[in-house]
PDB file of N, CA and C in Angstrom:
ATOM      1  N   UNK A   1     -11.608  -1.065 -15.056  1.00  0.00           N
ATOM      2  CA  UNK A   1     -11.913  -0.019 -14.128  1.00  0.00           C
ATOM      3  C   UNK A   1     -12.281   1.156 -14.738  1.00  0.00           C
ATOM      4  N   UNK A   2     -13.324   1.678 -14.562  1.00  0.00           N
ATOM      5  CA  UNK A   2     -13.729   3.107 -15.222  1.00  0.00           C
ATOM      6  C   UNK A   2     -13.380   4.149 -14.100  1.00  0.00           C
ATOM      7  N   UNK A   3     -13.664   5.481 -14.834  1.00  0.00           N
ATOM      8  CA  UNK A   3     -13.487   6.410 -13.892  1.00  0.00           C
ATOM      9  C   UNK A   3     -14.246   6.466 -12.465  1.00  0.00           C
ATOM     10  N   UNK A   4     -15.505   5.937 -12.432  1.00  0.00           N
ATOM     11  CA  UNK A   4     -16.320   6.006 -11.149  1.00  0.00           C
ATOM     12  C   UNK A   4     -15.768   4.931 -10.285  1.00  0.00           C
ATOM     13  N   UNK A   5     -15.153   3.586 -10.655  1.00  0.00           N
ATOM     14  CA  UNK A   5     -14.499   2.767  -9.920  1.00  0.00           C
ATOM     15  C   UNK A   5     -13.128   3.259  -9.545  1.00  0.00           C
ATOM     16  N   UNK A   6     -12.461   3.892 -10.348  1.00  0.00           N
ATOM     17  CA  UNK A   6     -11.370   4.614  -9.742  1.00  0.00           C
ATOM     18  C   UNK A   6     -11.600   5.287  -8.550  1.00  0.00           C
ATOM     19  N   UNK A   7     -12.460   6.333  -8.817  1.00  0.00           N
ATOM     20  CA  UNK A   7     -12.827   6.979  -7.793  1.00  0.00           C
ATOM     21  C   UNK A   7     -13.035   6.484  -6.499  1.00  0.00           C
ATOM     22  N   UNK A   8     -14.031   5.613  -6.641  1.00  0.00           N
ATOM     23  CA  UNK A   8     -14.369   4.954  -5.394  1.00  0.00           C
ATOM     24  C   UNK A   8     -13.289   4.405  -4.910  1.00  0.00           C
ATOM     25  N   UNK A   9     -12.410   3.348  -5.455  1.00  0.00           N
ATOM     26  CA  UNK A   9     -11.174   2.695  -4.995  1.00  0.00           C
ATOM     27  C   UNK A   9     -10.272   3.700  -4.557  1.00  0.00           C
ATOM     28  N   UNK A  10      -9.944   4.762  -5.186  1.00  0.00           N
ATOM     29  CA  UNK A  10      -9.033   5.840  -4.863  1.00  0.00           C
ATOM     30  C   UNK A  10      -9.431   6.413  -3.598  1.00  0.00           C
ATOM     31  N   UNK A  11     -10.447   6.819  -3.325  1.00  0.00           N
ATOM     32  CA  UNK A  11     -10.881   7.338  -1.952  1.00  0.00           C
ATOM     33  C   UNK A  11     -10.820   6.237  -0.922  1.00  0.00           C
ATOM     34  N   UNK A  12     -11.316   5.082  -1.290  1.00  0.00           N
ATOM     35  CA  UNK A  12     -11.136   4.175  -0.180  1.00  0.00           C
ATOM     36  C   UNK A  12      -9.830   3.579   0.157  1.00  0.00           C
ATOM     37  N   UNK A  13      -8.918   3.838  -0.938  1.00  0.00           N
ATOM     38  CA  UNK A  13      -7.338   3.529  -0.582  1.00  0.00           C
ATOM     39  C   UNK A  13      -6.793   4.658   0.227  1.00  0.00           C
ATOM     40  N   UNK A  14      -7.205   5.706  -0.292  1.00  0.00           N
ATOM     41  CA  UNK A  14      -6.593   7.263   0.794  1.00  0.00           C
ATOM     42  C   UNK A  14      -7.067   6.931   2.249  1.00  0.00           C
ATOM     43  N   UNK A  15      -8.555   6.395   2.417  1.00  0.00           N
ATOM     44  CA  UNK A  15      -8.797   6.186   3.660  1.00  0.00           C
ATOM     45  C   UNK A  15      -8.063   5.042   4.390  1.00  0.00           C
ATOM     46  N   UNK A  16      -7.734   3.973   3.565  1.00  0.00           N
ATOM     47  CA  UNK A  16      -6.994   2.753   4.279  1.00  0.00           C
ATOM     48  C   UNK A  16      -5.508   3.305   4.637  1.00  0.00           C
ATOM     49  N   UNK A  17      -5.004   4.316   3.889  1.00  0.00           N
ATOM     50  CA  UNK A  17      -3.626   4.717   4.032  1.00  0.00           C
ATOM     51  C   UNK A  17      -3.770   5.438   5.520  1.00  0.00           C
ATOM     52  N   UNK A  18      -4.728   6.446   5.640  1.00  0.00           N
ATOM     53  CA  UNK A  18      -5.128   7.137   6.770  1.00  0.00           C
ATOM     54  C   UNK A  18      -5.195   6.408   8.090  1.00  0.00           C
ATOM     55  N   UNK A  19      -6.098   5.522   7.878  1.00  0.00           N
ATOM     56  CA  UNK A  19      -6.365   4.445   8.974  1.00  0.00           C
ATOM     57  C   UNK A  19      -5.032   3.732   9.524  1.00  0.00           C
ATOM     58  N   UNK A  20      -4.302   3.253   8.479  1.00  0.00           N
ATOM     59  CA  UNK A  20      -3.000   2.499   8.614  1.00  0.00           C
ATOM     60  C   UNK A  20      -1.933   3.454   9.306  1.00  0.00           C
ATOM     61  N   UNK A  21      -1.807   4.662   8.872  1.00  0.00           N
ATOM     62  CA  UNK A  21      -0.842   5.632   9.503  1.00  0.00           C
ATOM     63  C   UNK A  21      -1.213   5.918  10.710  1.00  0.00           C
ATOM     64  N   UNK A  22      -2.679   6.139  11.023  1.00  0.00           N
ATOM     65  CA  UNK A  22      -3.146   6.519  12.453  1.00  0.00           C
ATOM     66  C   UNK A  22      -3.093   5.562  13.394  1.00  0.00           C
ATOM     67  N   UNK A  23      -3.161   4.275  13.151  1.00  0.00           N
ATOM     68  CA  UNK A  23      -2.861   3.183  13.943  1.00  0.00           C
ATOM     69  C   UNK A  23      -1.690   2.358  13.965  1.00  0.00           C
ATOM     70  N   UNK A  24      -0.583   2.886  13.257  1.00  0.00           N
ATOM     71  CA  UNK A  24       0.646   2.182  12.982  1.00  0.00           C
ATOM     72  C   UNK A  24       1.161   1.852  14.270  1.00  0.00           C
ATOM     73  N   UNK A  25       1.155   2.733  15.468  1.00  0.00           N
ATOM     74  CA  UNK A  25       1.960   2.416  16.461  1.00  0.00           C
ATOM     75  C   UNK A  25       1.134   1.382  17.477  1.00  0.00           C
ATOM     76  N   UNK A  26      -0.001   1.106  17.105  1.00  0.00           N
ATOM     77  CA  UNK A  26      -0.434  -0.089  17.572  1.00  0.00           C
ATOM     78  C   UNK A  26      -0.345  -1.492  16.989  1.00  0.00           C
ATOM     79  N   UNK A  27       0.320  -1.551  16.008  1.00  0.00           N
ATOM     80  CA  UNK A  27       0.632  -2.797  15.147  1.00  0.00           C
ATOM     81  C   UNK A  27       1.831  -3.084  15.624  1.00  0.00           C
ATOM     82  N   UNK A  28       2.156  -4.669  15.491  1.00  0.00           N
ATOM     83  CA  UNK A  28       3.496  -5.238  15.720  1.00  0.00           C
ATOM     84  C   UNK A  28       4.467  -4.601  14.770  1.00  0.00           C
ATOM     85  N   UNK A  29       5.560  -4.408  15.167  1.00  0.00           N
ATOM     86  CA  UNK A  29       6.678  -3.772  14.122  1.00  0.00           C
ATOM     87  C   UNK A  29       6.850  -4.794  13.345  1.00  0.00           C
ATOM     88  N   UNK A  30       7.210  -6.078  13.896  1.00  0.00           N
ATOM     89  CA  UNK A  30       7.757  -7.162  12.870  1.00  0.00           C
ATOM     90  C   UNK A  30       6.663  -8.061  12.473  1.00  0.00           C
ATOM     91  N   UNK A  31       6.820  -8.874  11.428  1.00  0.00           N
ATOM     92  CA  UNK A  31       5.883  -9.526  10.999  1.00  0.00           C
ATOM     93  C   UNK A  31       5.208 -10.697  12.057  1.00  0.00           C
ATOM     94  N   UNK A  32       4.054 -10.716  12.138  1.00  0.00           N
ATOM     95  CA  UNK A  32       3.359 -11.581  13.039  1.00  0.00           C
ATOM     96  C   UNK A  32       2.933 -12.848  12.549  1.00  0.00           C
ATOM     97  N   UNK A  33       3.570 -13.303  11.170  1.00  0.00           N
ATOM     98  CA  UNK A  33       3.170 -14.493  10.822  1.00  0.00           C
ATOM     99  C   UNK A  33       4.433 -15.598  10.591  1.00  0.00           C
ATOM    100  N   UNK A  34       4.067 -16.755  10.401  1.00  0.00           N
ATOM    101  CA  UNK A  34       4.876 -17.782  10.445  1.00  0.00           C
ATOM    102  C   UNK A  34       5.683 -17.801   8.941  1.00  0.00           C
ATOM    103  N   UNK A  35       6.607 -18.616   8.619  1.00  0.00           N
ATOM    104  CA  UNK A  35       7.349 -18.929   7.363  1.00  0.00           C
ATOM    105  C   UNK A  35       6.243 -19.591   6.532  1.00  0.00           C
ATOM    106  N   UNK A  36       6.028 -19.085   5.190  1.00  0.00           N
ATOM    107  CA  UNK A  36       5.155 -19.831   4.285  1.00  0.00           C
ATOM    108  C   UNK A  36       3.678 -19.444   4.812  1.00  0.00           C
ATOM    109  N   UNK A  37       3.239 -18.712   5.576  1.00  0.00           N
ATOM    110  CA  UNK A  37       1.905 -18.330   5.985  1.00  0.00           C
ATOM    111  C   UNK A  37       1.349 -17.360   5.021  1.00  0.00           C
ATOM    112  N   UNK A  38       2.196 -16.461   4.437  1.00  0.00           N
ATOM    113  CA  UNK A  38       1.531 -15.540   3.374  1.00  0.00           C
ATOM    114  C   UNK A  38       1.292 -16.431   2.040  1.00  0.00           C
ATOM    115  N   UNK A  39       2.033 -17.238   1.779  1.00  0.00           N
ATOM    116  CA  UNK A  39       1.674 -17.889   0.604  1.00  0.00           C
ATOM    117  C   UNK A  39       0.651 -18.828   0.783  1.00  0.00           C
ATOM    118  N   UNK A  40       0.444 -19.487   2.029  1.00  0.00           N
ATOM    119  CA  UNK A  40      -0.718 -20.133   2.312  1.00  0.00           C
ATOM    120  C   UNK A  40      -1.948 -19.303   2.125  1.00  0.00           C
ATOM    121  N   UNK A  41      -1.980 -18.468   2.428  1.00  0.00           N
ATOM    122  CA  UNK A  41      -3.111 -17.620   2.363  1.00  0.00           C
ATOM    123  C   UNK A  41      -3.759 -17.000   0.912  1.00  0.00           C
ATOM    124  N   UNK A  42      -2.652 -16.942   0.064  1.00  0.00           N
ATOM    125  CA  UNK A  42      -2.906 -16.705  -1.225  1.00  0.00           C
ATOM    126  C   UNK A  42      -3.567 -17.623  -2.257  1.00  0.00           C
ATOM    127  N   UNK A  43      -4.079 -17.512  -3.182  1.00  0.00           N
ATOM    128  CA  UNK A  43      -4.798 -18.517  -4.179  1.00  0.00           C
ATOM    129  C   UNK A  43      -3.610 -19.312  -4.847  1.00  0.00           C
ATOM    130  N   UNK A  44      -3.749 -20.604  -5.056  1.00  0.00           N
ATOM    131  CA  UNK A  44      -2.834 -21.282  -5.756  1.00  0.00           C
ATOM    132  C   UNK A  44      -2.927 -21.040  -7.414  1.00  0.00           C
ATOM    133  N   UNK A  45      -3.931 -20.289  -7.950  1.00  0.00           N
ATOM    134  CA  UNK A  45      -3.874 -20.219  -9.265  1.00  0.00           C
ATOM    135  C   UNK A  45      -4.338 -18.626  -9.318  1.00  0.00           C
ATOM    136  N   UNK A  46      -3.897 -18.107 -10.572  1.00  0.00           N
ATOM    137  CA  UNK A  46      -4.348 -16.825 -11.036  1.00  0.00           C
ATOM    138  C   UNK A  46      -6.122 -16.860 -11.173  1.00  0.00           C
ATOM    139  N   UNK A  47      -6.981 -16.077 -10.517  1.00  0.00           N
ATOM    140  CA  UNK A  47      -8.332 -15.962 -10.885  1.00  0.00           C
ATOM    141  C   UNK A  47      -8.604 -15.791 -12.306  1.00  0.00           C
ATOM    142  N   UNK A  48      -9.493 -16.276 -12.824  1.00  0.00           N
ATOM    143  CA  UNK A  48     -10.207 -16.115 -13.998  1.00  0.00           C
ATOM    144  C   UNK A  48     -10.779 -14.908 -13.986  1.00  0.00           C
ATOM    145  N   UNK A  49     -11.362 -14.360 -12.951  1.00  0.00           N
ATOM    146  CA  UNK A  49     -12.135 -13.031 -13.222  1.00  0.00           C
ATOM    147  C   UNK A  49     -11.565 -12.125 -11.845  1.00  0.00           C
ATOM    148  N   UNK A  50     -11.469 -10.886 -12.136  1.00  0.00           N
ATOM    149  CA  UNK A  50     -10.791  -9.973 -11.055  1.00  0.00           C
ATOM    150  C   UNK A  50     -11.902 -10.020  -9.959  1.00  0.00           C
ATOM    151  N   UNK A  51     -11.163  -9.854  -8.596  1.00  0.00           N
ATOM    152  CA  UNK A  51     -11.781  -9.403  -7.555  1.00  0.00           C
ATOM    153  C   UNK A  51     -12.184  -8.103  -7.562  1.00  0.00           C
ATOM    154  N   UNK A  52     -13.284  -7.748  -6.634  1.00  0.00           N
ATOM    155  CA  UNK A  52     -13.644  -6.294  -6.573  1.00  0.00           C
ATOM    156  C   UNK A  52     -12.628  -5.667  -5.583  1.00  0.00           C
ATOM    157  N   UNK A  53     -12.559  -4.348  -5.812  1.00  0.00           N
ATOM    158  CA  UNK A  53     -11.402  -3.743  -5.144  1.00  0.00           C
ATOM    159  C   UNK A  53     -11.622  -3.922  -3.736  1.00  0.00           C
ATOM    160  N   UNK A  54     -12.643  -3.991  -3.154  1.00  0.00           N
ATOM    161  CA  UNK A  54     -12.855  -3.965  -1.553  1.00  0.00           C
ATOM    162  C   UNK A  54     -12.257  -5.281  -0.969  1.00  0.00           C
ATOM    163  N   UNK A  55     -12.353  -6.337  -1.979  1.00  0.00           N
ATOM    164  CA  UNK A  55     -11.491  -7.500  -1.513  1.00  0.00           C
ATOM    165  C   UNK A  55     -10.217  -7.424  -1.427  1.00  0.00           C
ATOM    166  N   UNK A  56      -9.591  -6.558  -2.383  1.00  0.00           N
ATOM    167  CA  UNK A  56      -8.202  -6.436  -2.539  1.00  0.00           C
ATOM    168  C   UNK A  56      -7.720  -5.538  -1.207  1.00  0.00           C
ATOM    169  N   UNK A  57      -8.474  -4.615  -0.753  1.00  0.00           N
ATOM    170  CA  UNK A  57      -8.251  -3.947   0.454  1.00  0.00           C
ATOM    171  C   UNK A  57      -8.345  -4.762   1.724  1.00  0.00           C
ATOM    172  N   UNK A  58      -9.314  -5.521   1.609  1.00  0.00           N
ATOM    173  CA  UNK A  58      -9.309  -6.298   2.834  1.00  0.00           C
ATOM    174  C   UNK A  58      -8.380  -7.565   2.792  1.00  0.00           C
ATOM    175  N   UNK A  59      -7.837  -8.052   1.604  1.00  0.00           N
ATOM    176  CA  UNK A  59      -6.651  -8.771   1.766  1.00  0.00           C
ATOM    177  C   UNK A  59      -5.443  -8.307   2.234  1.00  0.00           C
ATOM    178  N   UNK A  60      -5.462  -7.086   1.935  1.00  0.00           N
ATOM    179  CA  UNK A  60      -4.155  -6.177   2.251  1.00  0.00           C
ATOM    180  C   UNK A  60      -4.103  -6.093   3.704  1.00  0.00           C
ATOM    181  N   UNK A  61      -5.191  -5.808   4.405  1.00  0.00           N
ATOM    182  CA  UNK A  61      -5.301  -5.784   5.811  1.00  0.00           C
ATOM    183  C   UNK A  61      -5.144  -7.000   6.411  1.00  0.00           C
ATOM    184  N   UNK A  62      -5.701  -7.979   6.121  1.00  0.00           N
ATOM    185  CA  UNK A  62      -5.678  -9.335   6.847  1.00  0.00           C
ATOM    186  C   UNK A  62      -4.616 -10.117   6.657  1.00  0.00           C
ATOM    187  N   UNK A  63      -3.883 -10.111   5.243  1.00  0.00           N
ATOM    188  CA  UNK A  63      -3.171 -11.252   4.944  1.00  0.00           C
ATOM    189  C   UNK A  63      -1.460 -10.369   4.694  1.00  0.00           C
ATOM    190  N   UNK A  64      -1.634  -9.266   4.022  1.00  0.00           N
ATOM    191  CA  UNK A  64      -0.484  -8.596   3.723  1.00  0.00           C
ATOM    192  C   UNK A  64       0.353  -8.076   4.721  1.00  0.00           C
ATOM    193  N   UNK A  65      -0.362  -7.034   5.502  1.00  0.00           N
ATOM    194  CA  UNK A  65      -0.013  -6.255   6.597  1.00  0.00           C
ATOM    195  C   UNK A  65       0.441  -6.977   7.812  1.00  0.00           C
ATOM    196  N   UNK A  66      -0.124  -7.990   8.194  1.00  0.00           N
ATOM    197  CA  UNK A  66       0.530  -8.719   9.365  1.00  0.00           C
ATOM    198  C   UNK A  66       1.752  -9.406   8.990  1.00  0.00           C
ATOM    199  N   UNK A  67       2.101  -9.430   7.602  1.00  0.00           N
ATOM    200  CA  UNK A  67       3.190 -10.146   7.268  1.00  0.00           C
ATOM    201  C   UNK A  67       4.531  -9.220   6.914  1.00  0.00           C
ATOM    202  N   UNK A  68       4.232  -7.936   7.132  1.00  0.00           N
ATOM    203  CA  UNK A  68       5.311  -6.876   7.096  1.00  0.00           C
ATOM    204  C   UNK A  68       6.107  -6.524   8.207  1.00  0.00           C
ATOM    205  N   UNK A  69       7.095  -5.934   7.949  1.00  0.00           N
ATOM    206  CA  UNK A  69       7.819  -5.143   8.917  1.00  0.00           C
ATOM    207  C   UNK A  69       7.298  -3.741   8.639  1.00  0.00           C
ATOM    208  N   UNK A  70       6.884  -3.253   9.818  1.00  0.00           N
ATOM    209  CA  UNK A  70       6.277  -1.868   9.300  1.00  0.00           C
ATOM    210  C   UNK A  70       7.402  -0.712   9.847  1.00  0.00           C
ATOM    211  N   UNK A  71       8.038  -0.169   8.602  1.00  0.00           N
ATOM    212  CA  UNK A  71       9.190   0.733   8.851  1.00  0.00           C
ATOM    213  C   UNK A  71       8.963   2.086   9.259  1.00  0.00           C
ATOM    214  N   UNK A  72       7.606   2.348   9.023  1.00  0.00           N
ATOM    215  CA  UNK A  72       7.156   3.691   9.283  1.00  0.00           C
ATOM    216  C   UNK A  72       6.677   3.575  10.970  1.00  0.00           C
ATOM    217  N   UNK A  73       6.619   2.629  11.454  1.00  0.00           N
ATOM    218  CA  UNK A  73       6.222   2.619  12.824  1.00  0.00           C
ATOM    219  C   UNK A  73       7.266   3.476  13.896  1.00  0.00           C
ATOM    220  N   UNK A  74       6.514   4.133  14.766  1.00  0.00           N
ATOM    221  CA  UNK A  74       7.542   4.990  15.562  1.00  0.00           C
ATOM    222  C   UNK A  74       8.311   4.008  16.742  1.00  0.00           C
ATOM    223  N   UNK A  75       7.866   2.825  16.557  1.00  0.00           N
ATOM    224  CA  UNK A  75       8.772   1.659  17.416  1.00  0.00           C
ATOM    225  C   UNK A  75       9.767   0.965  16.646  1.00  0.00           C
ATOM    226  N   UNK A  76       9.930   1.274  15.290  1.00  0.00           N
ATOM    227  CA  UNK A  76      10.934   0.622  14.469  1.00  0.00           C
ATOM    228  C   UNK A  76      11.979   1.568  14.233  1.00  0.00           C
ATOM    229  N   UNK A  77      13.218   1.397  15.004  1.00  0.00           N
ATOM    230  CA  UNK A  77      14.284   2.517  14.732  1.00  0.00           C
ATOM    231  C   UNK A  77      15.515   2.203  13.955  1.00  0.00           C
ATOM    232  N   UNK A  78      15.208   1.478  13.045  1.00  0.00           N
ATOM    233  CA  UNK A  78      16.344   1.202  12.063  1.00  0.00           C
ATOM    234  C   UNK A  78      16.560   2.114  11.166  1.00  0.00           C
ATOM    235  N   UNK A  79      15.340   2.756  10.486  1.00  0.00           N
ATOM    236  CA  UNK A  79      15.545   3.751   9.514  1.00  0.00           C
ATOM    237  C   UNK A  79      14.433   4.748   9.954  1.00  0.00           C
ATOM    238  N   UNK A  80      14.503   6.047   9.171  1.00  0.00           N
ATOM    239  CA  UNK A  80      13.793   6.924   9.291  1.00  0.00           C
ATOM    240  C   UNK A  80      12.637   7.302   8.456  1.00  0.00           C
ATOM    241  N   UNK A  81      11.612   7.686   8.745  1.00  0.00           N
ATOM    242  CA  UNK A  81      10.574   7.725   7.447  1.00  0.00           C
ATOM    243  C   UNK A  81      11.066   8.802   6.713  1.00  0.00           C
ATOM    244  N   UNK A  82      10.980   8.353   5.322  1.00  0.00           N
ATOM    245  CA  UNK A  82      11.283   9.427   4.373  1.00  0.00           C
ATOM    246  C   UNK A  82      10.357   9.768   3.544  1.00  0.00           C
ATOM    247  N   UNK A  83       9.283   8.920   2.973  1.00  0.00           N
ATOM    248  CA  UNK A  83       8.226   8.977   2.133  1.00  0.00           C
ATOM    249  C   UNK A  83       7.191   8.639   2.417  1.00  0.00           C
ATOM    250  N   UNK A  84       6.716   8.684   3.782  1.00  0.00           N
ATOM    251  CA  UNK A  84       5.614   8.414   4.231  1.00  0.00           C
ATOM    252  C   UNK A  84       4.505   9.683   4.698  1.00  0.00           C
ATOM    253  N   UNK A  85       5.140  10.713   4.549  1.00  0.00           N
ATOM    254  CA  UNK A  85       4.130  11.833   5.030  1.00  0.00           C
ATOM    255  C   UNK A  85       2.943  12.175   3.971  1.00  0.00           C
ATOM    256  N   UNK A  86       1.915  12.838   4.481  1.00  0.00           N
ATOM    257  CA  UNK A  86       0.866  12.903   3.533  1.00  0.00           C
ATOM    258  C   UNK A  86       1.113  13.706   2.150  1.00  0.00           C
ATOM    259  N   UNK A  87       2.011  14.574   2.198  1.00  0.00           N
ATOM    260  CA  UNK A  87       2.476  15.291   1.326  1.00  0.00           C
ATOM    261  C   UNK A  87       3.178  14.586   0.194  1.00  0.00           C
ATOM    262  N   UNK A  88       4.228  13.622   0.602  1.00  0.00           N
ATOM    263  CA  UNK A  88       4.844  12.721  -0.343  1.00  0.00           C
ATOM    264  C   UNK A  88       4.030  11.705  -1.033  1.00  0.00           C
ATOM    265  N   UNK A  89       3.159  11.056  -0.246  1.00  0.00           N
ATOM    266  CA  UNK A  89       2.127  10.135  -0.616  1.00  0.00           C
ATOM    267  C   UNK A  89       1.127  10.898  -1.726  1.00  0.00           C
ATOM    268  N   UNK A  90       0.797  11.963  -1.520  1.00  0.00           N
ATOM    269  CA  UNK A  90       0.094  12.790  -2.535  1.00  0.00           C
ATOM    270  C   UNK A  90       0.862  13.053  -3.900  1.00  0.00           C
ATOM    271  N   UNK A  91       2.078  13.450  -3.325  1.00  0.00           N
ATOM    272  CA  UNK A  91       3.038  13.532  -4.561  1.00  0.00           C
ATOM    273  C   UNK A  91       3.177  12.336  -5.491  1.00  0.00           C
ATOM    274  N   UNK A  92       3.313  11.330  -4.780  1.00  0.00           N
ATOM    275  CA  UNK A  92       3.485   9.998  -5.679  1.00  0.00           C
ATOM    276  C   UNK A  92       2.139   9.754  -6.494  1.00  0.00           C
ATOM    277  N   UNK A  93       1.200   9.985  -5.889  1.00  0.00           N
ATOM    278  CA  UNK A  93      -0.152   9.789  -6.511  1.00  0.00           C
ATOM    279  C   UNK A  93      -0.480  10.623  -7.862  1.00  0.00           C
ATOM    280  N   UNK A  94      -0.109  11.875  -7.628  1.00  0.00           N
ATOM    281  CA  UNK A  94      -0.097  12.814  -8.728  1.00  0.00           C
ATOM    282  C   UNK A  94       1.046  12.531  -9.562  1.00  0.00           C
ATOM    283  N   UNK A  95       2.348  11.969  -9.306  1.00  0.00           N
ATOM    284  CA  UNK A  95       3.178  11.673 -10.531  1.00  0.00           C
ATOM    285  C   UNK A  95       2.687  10.456 -11.362  1.00  0.00           C
ATOM    286  N   UNK A  96       2.226   9.521 -10.662  1.00  0.00           N
ATOM    287  CA  UNK A  96       1.688   8.278 -11.202  1.00  0.00           C
ATOM    288  C   UNK A  96       0.469   8.545 -12.131  1.00  0.00           C
ATOM    289  N   UNK A  97      -0.427   9.381 -11.712  1.00  0.00           N
ATOM    290  CA  UNK A  97      -1.446   9.842 -12.434  1.00  0.00           C
ATOM    291  C   UNK A  97      -1.332  10.607 -13.691  1.00  0.00           C
ATOM    292  N   UNK A  98      -0.198  11.538 -13.672  1.00  0.00           N
ATOM    293  CA  UNK A  98       0.128  12.392 -14.803  1.00  0.00           C
ATOM    294  C   UNK A  98       1.209  11.317 -15.786  1.00  0.00           C
ATOM    295  N   UNK A  99       1.958  10.652 -15.087  1.00  0.00           N
ATOM    296  CA  UNK A  99       2.553   9.606 -15.931  1.00  0.00           C
ATOM    297  C   UNK A  99       3.781  10.169 -16.517  1.00  0.00           C
ATOM    298  N   UNK A 100       4.679  11.201 -15.829  1.00  0.00           N
ATOM    299  CA  UNK A 100       5.641  11.941 -16.208  1.00  0.00           C
ATOM    300  C   UNK A 100       7.077  11.230 -15.732  1.00  0.00           C
ATOM    301  N   UNK A 101       7.907  11.022 -16.730  1.00  0.00           N
ATOM    302  CA  UNK A 101       9.317  10.465 -16.141  1.00  0.00           C
ATOM    303  C   UNK A 101      10.085  11.609 -15.839  1.00  0.00           C
ATOM    304  N   UNK A 102      10.880  11.731 -14.915  1.00  0.00           N
ATOM    305  CA  UNK A 102      11.434  13.118 -14.413  1.00  0.00           C
ATOM    306  C   UNK A 102      13.033  13.032 -14.920  1.00  0.00           C
ATOM    307  N   UNK A 103      12.985  13.056 -16.464  1.00  0.00           N
ATOM    308  CA  UNK A 103      14.135  13.359 -16.944  1.00  0.00           C
ATOM    309  C   UNK A 103      13.790  13.880 -18.336  1.00  0.00           C
ATOM    310  N   UNK A 104      14.837  14.649 -19.015  1.00  0.00           N
ATOM    311  CA  UNK A 104      14.865  15.072 -20.070  1.00  0.00           C
ATOM    312  C   UNK A 104      15.596  14.615 -21.374  1.00  0.00           C
ATOM    313  N   UNK A 105      15.054  14.507 -22.508  1.00  0.00           N
ATOM    314  CA  UNK A 105      15.828  13.936 -23.642  1.00  0.00           C
ATOM    315  C   UNK A 105      16.688  15.024 -24.242  1.00  0.00           C
ATOM    316  N   UNK A 106      16.561  16.394 -23.892  1.00  0.00           N
ATOM    317  CA  UNK A 106      17.151  17.404 -24.658  1.00  0.00           C
ATOM    318  C   UNK A 106      18.648  17.557 -24.084  1.00  0.00           C
ATOM    319  N   UNK A 107      19.674  18.186 -24.789  1.00  0.00           N
ATOM    320  CA  UNK A 107      20.949  18.502 -24.468  1.00  0.00           C
ATOM    321  C   UNK A 107      21.051  19.887 -24.251  1.00  0.00           C
ATOM    322  N   UNK A 108      21.170  20.335 -23.192  1.00  0.00           N
ATOM    323  CA  UNK A 108      21.394  21.869 -23.008  1.00  0.00           C
ATOM    324  C   UNK A 108      22.558  22.097 -22.233  1.00  0.00           C
TER     325      UNK A 108
END
């Protein structure tokens, strides 16, 4: 992936997250799939060539999200959202991009 692909994928991923969070109350809180359905929807072998990033986002929407419990849903009352605000998502993105580990090797 070069910087142009990274830019396109990153912008699409952010739009995906925005759409997900804006429509989360319309989703089933609990998984709507049956046991082993997720495994059945995935390839049996690792692909020889990488898929285009758009296919990954499509699989995320069609295969992965229906298999999840949506903890950030306002209809899920077991836990409180703590790291799904737009600010915290951007913070995680920046930390991942900078690649800094949050500790010091110095003794003071």
